[in-house]
PDB file of N, CA and C in Angstrom:
ATOM      1  N   MET A   1     -85.549  62.162 -18.305  1.00  0.00           N
ATOM      2  CA  MET A   1     -85.323  60.803 -17.880  1.00  0.00           C
ATOM      3  C   MET A   1     -84.220  60.809 -16.824  1.00  0.00           C
ATOM      4  N   THR A   2     -84.518  60.181 -15.714  1.00  0.00           N
ATOM      5  CA  THR A   2     -83.548  60.188 -14.624  1.00  0.00           C
ATOM      6  C   THR A   2     -82.672  58.947 -14.686  1.00  0.00           C
ATOM      7  N   THR A   3     -81.555  59.052 -14.045  1.00  0.00           N
ATOM      8  CA  THR A   3     -80.659  57.897 -13.961  1.00  0.00           C
ATOM      9  C   THR A   3     -80.837  57.147 -12.647  1.00  0.00           C
ATOM     10  N   GLN A   4     -81.807  57.590 -11.854  1.00  0.00           N
ATOM     11  CA  GLN A   4     -82.072  56.932 -10.577  1.00  0.00           C
ATOM     12  C   GLN A   4     -82.800  55.601 -10.813  1.00  0.00           C
ATOM     13  N   PRO A   5     -82.406  54.551 -10.114  1.00  0.00           N
ATOM     14  CA  PRO A   5     -83.136  53.285 -10.257  1.00  0.00           C
ATOM     15  C   PRO A   5     -84.527  53.390  -9.624  1.00  0.00           C
ATOM     16  N   ARG A   6     -85.428  52.600 -10.132  1.00  0.00           N
ATOM     17  CA  ARG A   6     -86.775  52.600  -9.567  1.00  0.00           C
ATOM     18  C   ARG A   6     -86.741  52.012  -8.162  1.00  0.00           C
ATOM     19  N   PRO A   7     -87.524  52.538  -7.261  1.00  0.00           N
ATOM     20  CA  PRO A   7     -87.551  51.967  -5.910  1.00  0.00           C
ATOM     21  C   PRO A   7     -88.207  50.586  -5.925  1.00  0.00           C
ATOM     22  N   ARG A   8     -87.659  49.697  -5.136  1.00  0.00           N
ATOM     23  CA  ARG A   8     -88.206  48.340  -5.042  1.00  0.00           C
ATOM     24  C   ARG A   8     -89.063  48.240  -3.796  1.00  0.00           C
ATOM     25  N   PRO A   9     -90.068  47.371  -3.819  1.00  0.00           N
ATOM     26  CA  PRO A   9     -90.868  47.193  -2.607  1.00  0.00           C
ATOM     27  C   PRO A   9     -90.020  46.573  -1.502  1.00  0.00           C
ATOM     28  N   PRO A  10     -90.403  46.764  -0.261  1.00  0.00           N
ATOM     29  CA  PRO A  10     -89.632  46.175   0.836  1.00  0.00           C
ATOM     30  C   PRO A  10     -89.567  44.656   0.719  1.00  0.00           C
ATOM     31  N   ALA A  11     -88.500  44.085   1.237  1.00  0.00           N
ATOM     32  CA  ALA A  11     -88.284  42.640   1.111  1.00  0.00           C
ATOM     33  C   ALA A  11     -89.376  41.841   1.798  1.00  0.00           C
ATOM     34  N   CYS A  12     -89.879  42.309   2.929  1.00  0.00           N
ATOM     35  CA  CYS A  12     -90.907  41.547   3.642  1.00  0.00           C
ATOM     36  C   CYS A  12     -92.178  41.447   2.808  1.00  0.00           C
ATOM     37  N   ARG A  13     -92.498  42.455   2.036  1.00  0.00           N
ATOM     38  CA  ARG A  13     -93.692  42.427   1.181  1.00  0.00           C
ATOM     39  C   ARG A  13     -93.540  41.373   0.091  1.00  0.00           C
ATOM     40  N   ARG A  14     -92.361  41.297  -0.528  1.00  0.00           N
ATOM     41  CA  ARG A  14     -92.124  40.308  -1.579  1.00  0.00           C
ATOM     42  C   ARG A  14     -92.188  38.899  -1.025  1.00  0.00           C
ATOM     43  N   ASP A  15     -91.630  38.669   0.164  1.00  0.00           N
ATOM     44  CA  ASP A  15     -91.655  37.336   0.758  1.00  0.00           C
ATOM     45  C   ASP A  15     -93.081  36.881   1.019  1.00  0.00           C
ATOM     46  N   ARG A  16     -93.913  37.788   1.510  1.00  0.00           N
ATOM     47  CA  ARG A  16     -95.300  37.439   1.798  1.00  0.00           C
ATOM     48  C   ARG A  16     -96.039  37.111   0.506  1.00  0.00           C
ATOM     49  N   ASP A  17     -95.808  37.880  -0.542  1.00  0.00           N
ATOM     50  CA  ASP A  17     -96.437  37.601  -1.831  1.00  0.00           C
ATOM     51  C   ASP A  17     -95.989  36.250  -2.370  1.00  0.00           C
ATOM     52  N   HIS A  18     -94.714  35.948  -2.228  1.00  0.00           N
ATOM     53  CA  HIS A  18     -94.191  34.671  -2.717  1.00  0.00           C
ATOM     54  C   HIS A  18     -94.809  33.512  -1.940  1.00  0.00           C
ATOM     55  N   ARG A  19     -94.894  33.643  -0.621  1.00  0.00           N
ATOM     56  CA  ARG A  19     -95.499  32.586   0.193  1.00  0.00           C
ATOM     57  C   ARG A  19     -96.960  32.389  -0.170  1.00  0.00           C
ATOM     58  N   THR A  20     -97.677  33.463  -0.431  1.00  0.00           N
ATOM     59  CA  THR A  20     -99.080  33.369  -0.822  1.00  0.00           C
ATOM     60  C   THR A  20     -99.215  32.651  -2.154  1.00  0.00           C
ATOM     61  N   THR A  21     -98.340  32.961  -3.090  1.00  0.00           N
ATOM     62  CA  THR A  21     -98.374  32.307  -4.395  1.00  0.00           C
ATOM     63  C   THR A  21     -98.072  30.819  -4.272  1.00  0.00           C
ATOM     64  N   VAL A  22     -97.092  30.463  -3.472  1.00  0.00           N
ATOM     65  CA  VAL A  22     -96.743  29.056  -3.277  1.00  0.00           C
ATOM     66  C   VAL A  22     -97.894  28.314  -2.618  1.00  0.00           C
ATOM     67  N   LEU A  23     -98.515  28.907  -1.611  1.00  0.00           N
ATOM     68  CA  LEU A  23     -99.646  28.272  -0.938  1.00  0.00           C
ATOM     69  C   LEU A  23    -100.807  28.075  -1.906  1.00  0.00           C
ATOM     70  N   ALA A  24    -101.094  29.071  -2.726  1.00  0.00           N
ATOM     71  CA  ALA A  24    -102.171  28.951  -3.705  1.00  0.00           C
ATOM     72  C   ALA A  24    -101.873  27.842  -4.711  1.00  0.00           C
ATOM     73  N   ALA A  25    -100.638  27.724  -5.146  1.00  0.00           N
ATOM     74  CA  ALA A  25    -100.267  26.668  -6.091  1.00  0.00           C
ATOM     75  C   ALA A  25    -100.404  25.290  -5.453  1.00  0.00           C
ATOM     76  N   LEU A  26    -100.010  25.156  -4.185  1.00  0.00           N
ATOM     77  CA  LEU A  26    -100.148  23.869  -3.494  1.00  0.00           C
ATOM     78  C   LEU A  26    -101.610  23.488  -3.312  1.00  0.00           C
ATOM     79  N   LEU A  27    -102.448  24.446  -2.945  1.00  0.00           N
ATOM     80  CA  LEU A  27    -103.874  24.162  -2.791  1.00  0.00           C
ATOM     81  C   LEU A  27    -104.507  23.781  -4.126  1.00  0.00           C
ATOM     82  N   LEU A  28    -104.112  24.445  -5.182  1.00  0.00           N
ATOM     83  CA  LEU A  28    -104.636  24.118  -6.507  1.00  0.00           C
ATOM     84  C   LEU A  28    -104.221  22.713  -6.925  1.00  0.00           C
ATOM     85  N   ALA A  29    -102.972  22.352  -6.678  1.00  0.00           N
ATOM     86  CA  ALA A  29    -102.499  21.010  -7.023  1.00  0.00           C
ATOM     87  C   ALA A  29    -103.210  19.952  -6.190  1.00  0.00           C
ATOM     88  N   ALA A  30    -103.429  20.221  -4.913  1.00  0.00           N
ATOM     89  CA  ALA A  30    -104.114  19.254  -4.053  1.00  0.00           C
ATOM     90  C   ALA A  30    -105.561  19.067  -4.485  1.00  0.00           C
ATOM     91  N   SER A  31    -106.235  20.137  -4.840  1.00  0.00           N
ATOM     92  CA  SER A  31    -107.623  20.002  -5.270  1.00  0.00           C
ATOM     93  C   SER A  31    -107.712  19.298  -6.620  1.00  0.00           C
ATOM     94  N   ALA A  32    -106.775  19.548  -7.507  1.00  0.00           N
ATOM     95  CA  ALA A  32    -106.766  18.849  -8.795  1.00  0.00           C
ATOM     96  C   ALA A  32    -106.511  17.360  -8.596  1.00  0.00           C
ATOM     97  N   ALA A  33    -105.633  17.013  -7.671  1.00  0.00           N
ATOM     98  CA  ALA A  33    -105.372  15.603  -7.386  1.00  0.00           C
ATOM     99  C   ALA A  33    -106.601  14.936  -6.790  1.00  0.00           C
ATOM    100  N   ALA A  34    -107.315  15.629  -5.917  1.00  0.00           N
ATOM    101  CA  ALA A  34    -108.524  15.062  -5.314  1.00  0.00           C
ATOM    102  C   ALA A  34    -109.605  14.843  -6.365  1.00  0.00           C
ATOM    103  N   VAL A  35    -109.776  15.789  -7.260  1.00  0.00           N
ATOM    104  CA  VAL A  35    -110.776  15.641  -8.323  1.00  0.00           C
ATOM    105  C   VAL A  35    -110.399  14.487  -9.243  1.00  0.00           C
ATOM    106  N   ALA A  36    -109.142  14.381  -9.612  1.00  0.00           N
ATOM    107  CA  ALA A  36    -108.700  13.278 -10.472  1.00  0.00           C
ATOM    108  C   ALA A  36    -108.897  11.942  -9.774  1.00  0.00           C
ATOM    109  N   TYR A  37    -108.619  11.873  -8.488  1.00  0.00           N
ATOM    110  CA  TYR A  37    -108.792  10.640  -7.712  1.00  0.00           C
ATOM    111  C   TYR A  37    -110.252  10.201  -7.729  1.00  0.00           C
ATOM    112  N   VAL A  38    -111.156  11.158  -7.532  1.00  0.00           N
ATOM    113  CA  VAL A  38    -112.580  10.823  -7.501  1.00  0.00           C
ATOM    114  C   VAL A  38    -113.079  10.460  -8.893  1.00  0.00           C
ATOM    115  N   LEU A  39    -112.709  11.232  -9.897  1.00  0.00           N
ATOM    116  CA  LEU A  39    -113.223  10.990 -11.244  1.00  0.00           C
ATOM    117  C   LEU A  39    -112.661   9.720 -11.870  1.00  0.00           C
ATOM    118  N   LEU A  40    -111.418   9.398 -11.584  1.00  0.00           N
ATOM    119  CA  LEU A  40    -110.816   8.208 -12.171  1.00  0.00           C
ATOM    120  C   LEU A  40    -111.165   6.942 -11.401  1.00  0.00           C
ATOM    121  N   GLY A  41    -111.709   7.079 -10.204  1.00  0.00           N
ATOM    122  CA  GLY A  41    -112.116   5.910  -9.432  1.00  0.00           C
ATOM    123  C   GLY A  41    -110.954   5.038  -9.031  1.00  0.00           C
ATOM    124  N   VAL A  42    -109.908   5.611  -8.504  1.00  0.00           N
ATOM    125  CA  VAL A  42    -108.711   4.864  -8.137  1.00  0.00           C
ATOM    126  C   VAL A  42    -108.950   4.007  -6.900  1.00  0.00           C
ATOM    127  N   HIS A  43    -109.910   4.370  -6.089  1.00  0.00           N
ATOM    128  CA  HIS A  43    -110.136   3.661  -4.829  1.00  0.00           C
ATOM    129  C   HIS A  43    -110.653   2.238  -5.067  1.00  0.00           C
ATOM    130  N   ASP A  44    -110.414   1.352  -4.118  1.00  0.00           N
ATOM    131  CA  ASP A  44    -110.829  -0.049  -4.219  1.00  0.00           C
ATOM    132  C   ASP A  44    -112.093  -0.290  -3.405  1.00  0.00           C
ATOM    133  N   ASN A  45    -113.222   0.190  -3.879  1.00  0.00           N
ATOM    134  CA  ASN A  45    -114.520  -0.025  -3.263  1.00  0.00           C
ATOM    135  C   ASN A  45    -114.463   0.195  -1.750  1.00  0.00           C
ATOM    136  N   PRO A  46    -114.343   1.427  -1.284  1.00  0.00           N
ATOM    137  CA  PRO A  46    -114.201   1.680   0.147  1.00  0.00           C
ATOM    138  C   PRO A  46    -115.455   1.358   0.957  1.00  0.00           C
ATOM    139  N   VAL A  47    -116.620   1.312   0.317  1.00  0.00           N
ATOM    140  CA  VAL A  47    -117.857   0.996   1.030  1.00  0.00           C
ATOM    141  C   VAL A  47    -118.204  -0.455   0.742  1.00  0.00           C
ATOM    142  N   GLN A  48    -118.197  -1.263   1.786  1.00  0.00           N
ATOM    143  CA  GLN A  48    -118.509  -2.682   1.640  1.00  0.00           C
ATOM    144  C   GLN A  48    -120.000  -2.901   1.883  1.00  0.00           C
ATOM    145  N   PRO A  49    -120.643  -3.765   1.109  1.00  0.00           N
ATOM    146  CA  PRO A  49    -122.063  -4.042   1.348  1.00  0.00           C
ATOM    147  C   PRO A  49    -122.243  -4.771   2.684  1.00  0.00           C
ATOM    148  N   ALA A  50    -123.376  -4.532   3.311  1.00  0.00           N
ATOM    149  CA  ALA A  50    -123.663  -5.158   4.601  1.00  0.00           C
ATOM    150  C   ALA A  50    -123.993  -6.634   4.401  1.00  0.00           C
ATOM    151  N   GLU A  51    -123.605  -7.458   5.366  1.00  0.00           N
ATOM    152  CA  GLU A  51    -123.909  -8.891   5.307  1.00  0.00           C
ATOM    153  C   GLU A  51    -125.408  -9.124   5.472  1.00  0.00           C
ATOM    154  N   ALA A  52    -126.005  -8.473   6.431  1.00  0.00           N
ATOM    155  CA  ALA A  52    -127.444  -8.617   6.685  1.00  0.00           C
ATOM    156  C   ALA A  52    -128.028  -7.218   6.858  1.00  0.00           C
ATOM    157  N   PRO A  53    -129.310  -7.047   6.540  1.00  0.00           N
ATOM    158  CA  PRO A  53    -129.910  -5.724   6.726  1.00  0.00           C
ATOM    159  C   PRO A  53    -129.965  -5.358   8.210  1.00  0.00           C
ATOM    160  N   PRO A  54    -129.994  -4.083   8.535  1.00  0.00           N
ATOM    161  CA  PRO A  54    -130.069  -3.668   9.937  1.00  0.00           C
ATOM    162  C   PRO A  54    -131.338  -4.179  10.610  1.00  0.00           C
ATOM    163  N   GLN A  55    -131.330  -4.219  11.937  1.00  0.00           N
ATOM    164  CA  GLN A  55    -132.449  -4.746  12.719  1.00  0.00           C
ATOM    165  C   GLN A  55    -133.737  -3.993  12.414  1.00  0.00           C
ATOM    166  N   ALA A  56    -133.689  -2.685  12.242  1.00  0.00           N
ATOM    167  CA  ALA A  56    -134.891  -1.888  11.990  1.00  0.00           C
ATOM    168  C   ALA A  56    -135.543  -2.273  10.671  1.00  0.00           C
ATOM    169  N   VAL A  57    -134.779  -2.715   9.704  1.00  0.00           N
ATOM    170  CA  VAL A  57    -135.327  -3.091   8.401  1.00  0.00           C
ATOM    171  C   VAL A  57    -136.006  -4.452   8.487  1.00  0.00           C
ATOM    172  N   ARG A  58    -135.491  -5.348   9.315  1.00  0.00           N
ATOM    173  CA  ARG A  58    -136.056  -6.698   9.421  1.00  0.00           C
ATOM    174  C   ARG A  58    -137.394  -6.724  10.156  1.00  0.00           C
ATOM    175  N   ASP A  59    -137.665  -5.771  11.014  1.00  0.00           N
ATOM    176  CA  ASP A  59    -138.919  -5.805  11.797  1.00  0.00           C
ATOM    177  C   ASP A  59    -140.122  -5.440  10.990  1.00  0.00           C
TER     178      ASP A  59
END
């Protein structure tokens, strides 16, 4: 058994891994929020019914 400490990966490698993890967590949170928004129906009827049918339908 040696008394030498284990070598650590270079700092730039750790920073890139951390940034990737943070980006993945943000994307996961954004997609979960979008799914919850759609499933819970938070929106206030964004599609309004037409007053009159289009011209092609009336002919």
